[in-house]
Amino acid sequence: MSGDGNKKQFWKRNAAKVPGSIQHVYGAQHPPFDPLLHANLIKAGQKPSPATPGKPKKATTFQEFESITSDAWDVGDDDDELLAMAAQNLNIEVVMETANKVIENHSKLQERQKLDDNTQEEGADDDDEEEDEDEEDEEGDLTSPEVSFSFQSSLDTEGHLVKSHSEAPIGSPKDAAGEHAALYRQRSLPHRPVIPLVARMADQNTSGTPAMTEREASRLDKFKQLLAGPNTDLEELRKLSWSGIPRQVRPITWKLLSGYLPANAERRENVLQRKRQEYFGFIQQYYDSRNDEHHQDTYRQIQIDIPRMSPESLVLQPKVTEIFERILFIWAIRHPASGYVQGINDLVTPFFVVYVFEYIEEEVENFDVSSLQEEALRNIEADSFWCMSKLLDGIQDNYTFAQPGIQRKVKALEELVSRIDESVHHHMQHYEVEYLQFAFRWMNNLLMRELPLRCTIRLWDTYQAEPEGFSHFHLYVCAAFLVRWRKEILEERDFQGLMILLQNLPTMHWGNEEVSVLLAEAYRLKFAFADAPNHYKR
């Protein structure tokens, strides 16, 4: 990129229908997209160039494309060229006007100080006058660095953005100029917010132990009373769980609703011991064969996929990686009809996180799993394996050869959306966006790549409570999820923009409220269409 002309031609949109290299719709990691981080380089006062009637101007340069992607703000020591490109988007007139106002305010303040000093000097002796002059000199020396700081904190002499406080001129702003400079720098170079793996109990009921509201305490009491009986009423438990399960009782509730544990309380301990022993029997029988010629490809693919999973702070712990490798390999060996398929690896995480909370109180993203006792780790591993197996038993055709289950569900999603929101459906048809290109991952990973993990756990509360939640109700959740972004979809005017949006939907800050609204809409769609399939077929 040697010149401005080259910069503008780089990443130029081609007239052909194929826009270039599109990311895989599954397998690779796609963190939730945050729109708050991509509106920072405000082009104040810039007039839009005329566009062809009916076809609004889209991002055609690399700089514009960069500003709407989720990984464009990893600023490092070697990113001067990127910062220079960003600086070109700043309106120099606005910067200069702001700097002039700051200088003018300082000049007025300095004049007032001199007038006050002159008034005080009239009744003072010669020694006091000399001291006052010295103080005035010091004040004058302190003024110019503040003025220069207010301007140079945003741009240096060569027009580059200053990346940190250490690169700005030395000076500590103590007035509006310093505050303005700090605020401007924050807007110019945004930082990635640290989003907790699981949010507060009042929001997701997944981690931490803050004070519960009266309603939450009441719901928790209902769960405890229901679970304390000699025979748990599973139908009543499903009704209670549909709107979310408190963190304290989520592990036992998930095990019951998935069919891993019996409803009879007396039999549960024996079943747990037997199933855990059975799992580690599989480990002894099969795990040593992972490097055999006919199994090594499966094991190698598992090793490749695990580091791609999220949250990295949890999955990349060596102990967790070992556990996930064993769970996935044993499942693949015991299910030769499908074997291991990319996407199955993601389905372990929610079970593992929920069952870890059976033994800890703190948040899991900062917790060293290896500090748990060996018996606890073995229990978590075995329970996660069996519950994941129960889930996959209901959707295994998603992962057999050619993945026919996913093909059918994506086709059903297309037919459903064409009935519930014809505008969105026709808009995607017009720009030749195939549902399989984005919805394959939604079905393959059960929306885990589209939502934060805290939202996935809340979503699975309802999936566990809903009959055929993972295999059938998920279709209506996907339809509601797509229509939820109706406004953003209709604003995109080309294939590339639509694909970037649909693969990076802005859900990073979603919580319990958004998931509850999504589930309510999905239930409404199911009520309208599930028992009348011809209603959504043309």
Foldseek 3Di string as FASTA:
>chain_A
DPDPVVQLQPQAADPDLDRDDFDAQFLFFFAFAAPVQQCQLPQPPDDDDDDDPPFDDDDGGPLRVLSRFRPNQPDDPPCQVVQLVSLVSYDVVVLVVVLVVVVVVLVVVLVVVVVVLVVVCVPDDPVVVVVSVVVNVVVVVQSVLLSQQLRVCQANPVSGGDQDPVRTPDHDDDDPSNVNSVVSNCSSRPDDDDFALADDCQWQLAAADDDDDPVVVVLQVVVCVQLPDQFHDLLVLLVSLQLHDHLQCVLVSLCDLLPQAHRGPVCRVVSLVVLLVVLVVLCVVPVVCCCPPVNVVLLVVLLVSQCSEPPNLQSVQVVNVVLLSSLLSSVQVVCVQQRDDGQLSLQLVLLLSSLVSNPDRHGDSPDRPVPDDPVSSSSSSSSSSVSSVSLCVLLVCCRGVVRVLLVVLLVLLLLLLCPPPVVLSVQCVVQVNRSCSNCNNCLSNVCPSNARNSLVNRQVSNLSSDVVSSRPLSSLLVSLVVVVCVVVSVVDRHDVSNSSCSNRPNHSPDTSVVSSVSSVSSVVSCVVDVVPVVVSPD
